[in-house]
Every structure is written in structure tokens, then in C-alpha cells.
Amino acid sequence: MAEKKAFVLRVNPDMLKELEAWAQQDFRSLNGQIEYLLSEALKKKKRTKAKEDEAGDVTG
């Protein structure tokens, strides 16, 4: 298992309340929910980049 590194994250109170509620709905801890959301964003970015690369290969 990869080692995890702790760091401070500043979030405005309204966003924090929404994230806590969302985490609770998904049966996750707040930390787990934030990790999940970041992981999904990275996966989406990689898919988008891969599509852009494929499009470049077809037209270039």
C-alpha cells in the first residue's frame, strides 16, 4: 500500500459542510470523500488527455 502524506487543506466553512454531508451520504469519512473526489478528477483528466492525444494522432 502506498504511503500517505498528511497536509493542511483550507476550505471555506460552507464548502466543508457540503463535503461533510456528501461524505456521510456516501458512507465515507470526510478525508475519504476528498480523496475519492480527487482520484475521480485525476482519472477524468487522464481520459480527457488520452482523447486529446488520440485526436492529435488522427489529424496530425
C-alpha atoms as a PDB file:
ATOM      1  CA  MET A   1       0.000   0.000   0.000  1.00  0.00           C
ATOM      2  CA  ALA A   2       1.303   3.441  -0.914  1.00  0.00           C
ATOM      3  CA  GLU A   3       2.421   5.691   1.888  1.00  0.00           C
ATOM      4  CA  LYS A   4       0.119   8.639   2.524  1.00  0.00           C
ATOM      5  CA  LYS A   5       1.314  12.134   3.293  1.00  0.00           C
ATOM      6  CA  ALA A   6      -0.623  14.478   5.563  1.00  0.00           C
ATOM      7  CA  PHE A   7      -1.083  18.132   4.638  1.00  0.00           C
ATOM      8  CA  VAL A   8      -3.228  21.092   5.630  1.00  0.00           C
ATOM      9  CA  LEU A   9      -6.188  21.953   3.412  1.00  0.00           C
ATOM     10  CA  ARG A  10      -8.026  25.236   3.814  1.00  0.00           C
ATOM     11  CA  VAL A  11     -11.699  25.083   2.834  1.00  0.00           C
ATOM     12  CA  ASN A  12     -14.390  27.663   3.412  1.00  0.00           C
ATOM     13  CA  PRO A  13     -16.991  26.665   6.033  1.00  0.00           C
ATOM     14  CA  ASP A  14     -19.893  26.351   3.571  1.00  0.00           C
ATOM     15  CA  MET A  15     -17.941  24.025   1.300  1.00  0.00           C
ATOM     16  CA  LEU A  16     -16.825  21.985   4.298  1.00  0.00           C
ATOM     17  CA  LYS A  17     -20.440  21.487   5.432  1.00  0.00           C
ATOM     18  CA  GLU A  18     -21.430  20.327   1.945  1.00  0.00           C
ATOM     19  CA  LEU A  19     -18.476  17.946   1.721  1.00  0.00           C
ATOM     20  CA  GLU A  20     -19.261  16.501   5.154  1.00  0.00           C
ATOM     21  CA  ALA A  21     -22.894  15.918   4.180  1.00  0.00           C
ATOM     22  CA  TRP A  22     -21.866  14.348   0.865  1.00  0.00           C
ATOM     23  CA  ALA A  23     -19.356  12.093   2.599  1.00  0.00           C
ATOM     24  CA  GLN A  24     -21.999  10.966   5.065  1.00  0.00           C
ATOM     25  CA  GLN A  25     -24.412  10.149   2.213  1.00  0.00           C
ATOM     26  CA  ASP A  26     -21.705   8.050   0.535  1.00  0.00           C
ATOM     27  CA  PHE A  27     -20.762   6.358   3.835  1.00  0.00           C
ATOM     28  CA  ARG A  28     -17.244   7.793   3.738  1.00  0.00           C
ATOM     29  CA  SER A  29     -15.146   9.852   6.104  1.00  0.00           C
ATOM     30  CA  LEU A  30     -14.554  13.438   5.050  1.00  0.00           C
ATOM     31  CA  ASN A  31     -10.946  12.575   4.257  1.00  0.00           C
ATOM     32  CA  GLY A  32     -12.055   9.536   2.265  1.00  0.00           C
ATOM     33  CA  GLN A  33     -14.544  11.621   0.302  1.00  0.00           C
ATOM     34  CA  ILE A  34     -11.933  14.233  -0.573  1.00  0.00           C
ATOM     35  CA  GLU A  35      -9.504  11.510  -1.670  1.00  0.00           C
ATOM     36  CA  TYR A  36     -12.253   9.895  -3.764  1.00  0.00           C
ATOM     37  CA  LEU A  37     -13.161  13.187  -5.460  1.00  0.00           C
ATOM     38  CA  LEU A  38      -9.535  14.000  -6.222  1.00  0.00           C
ATOM     39  CA  SER A  39      -8.968  10.496  -7.581  1.00  0.00           C
ATOM     40  CA  GLU A  40     -12.014  10.762  -9.852  1.00  0.00           C
ATOM     41  CA  ALA A  41     -10.885  14.187 -11.098  1.00  0.00           C
ATOM     42  CA  LEU A  42      -7.449  12.793 -11.947  1.00  0.00           C
ATOM     43  CA  LYS A  43      -8.965   9.819 -13.790  1.00  0.00           C
ATOM     44  CA  LYS A  44     -11.209  12.166 -15.763  1.00  0.00           C
ATOM     45  CA  LYS A  45      -8.275  14.393 -16.658  1.00  0.00           C
ATOM     46  CA  LYS A  46      -6.263  11.390 -17.851  1.00  0.00           C
ATOM     47  CA  ARG A  47      -9.178  10.209 -20.020  1.00  0.00           C
ATOM     48  CA  THR A  48      -9.558  13.684 -21.469  1.00  0.00           C
ATOM     49  CA  LYS A  49      -5.831  13.923 -22.163  1.00  0.00           C
ATOM     50  CA  ALA A  50      -5.846  10.470 -23.782  1.00  0.00           C
ATOM     51  CA  LYS A  51      -8.732  11.517 -26.057  1.00  0.00           C
ATOM     52  CA  GLU A  52      -6.878  14.699 -26.999  1.00  0.00           C
ATOM     53  CA  ASP A  53      -3.744  12.670 -27.757  1.00  0.00           C
ATOM     54  CA  GLU A  54      -5.756  10.224 -29.899  1.00  0.00           C
ATOM     55  CA  ALA A  55      -7.383  13.096 -31.785  1.00  0.00           C
ATOM     56  CA  GLY A  56      -3.948  14.570 -32.392  1.00  0.00           C
ATOM     57  CA  ASP A  57      -2.691  11.280 -33.807  1.00  0.00           C
ATOM     58  CA  VAL A  58      -5.643  11.015 -36.209  1.00  0.00           C
ATOM     59  CA  THR A  59      -5.423  14.558 -37.521  1.00  0.00           C
ATOM     60  CA  GLY A  60      -1.675  15.066 -37.139  1.00  0.00           C
END
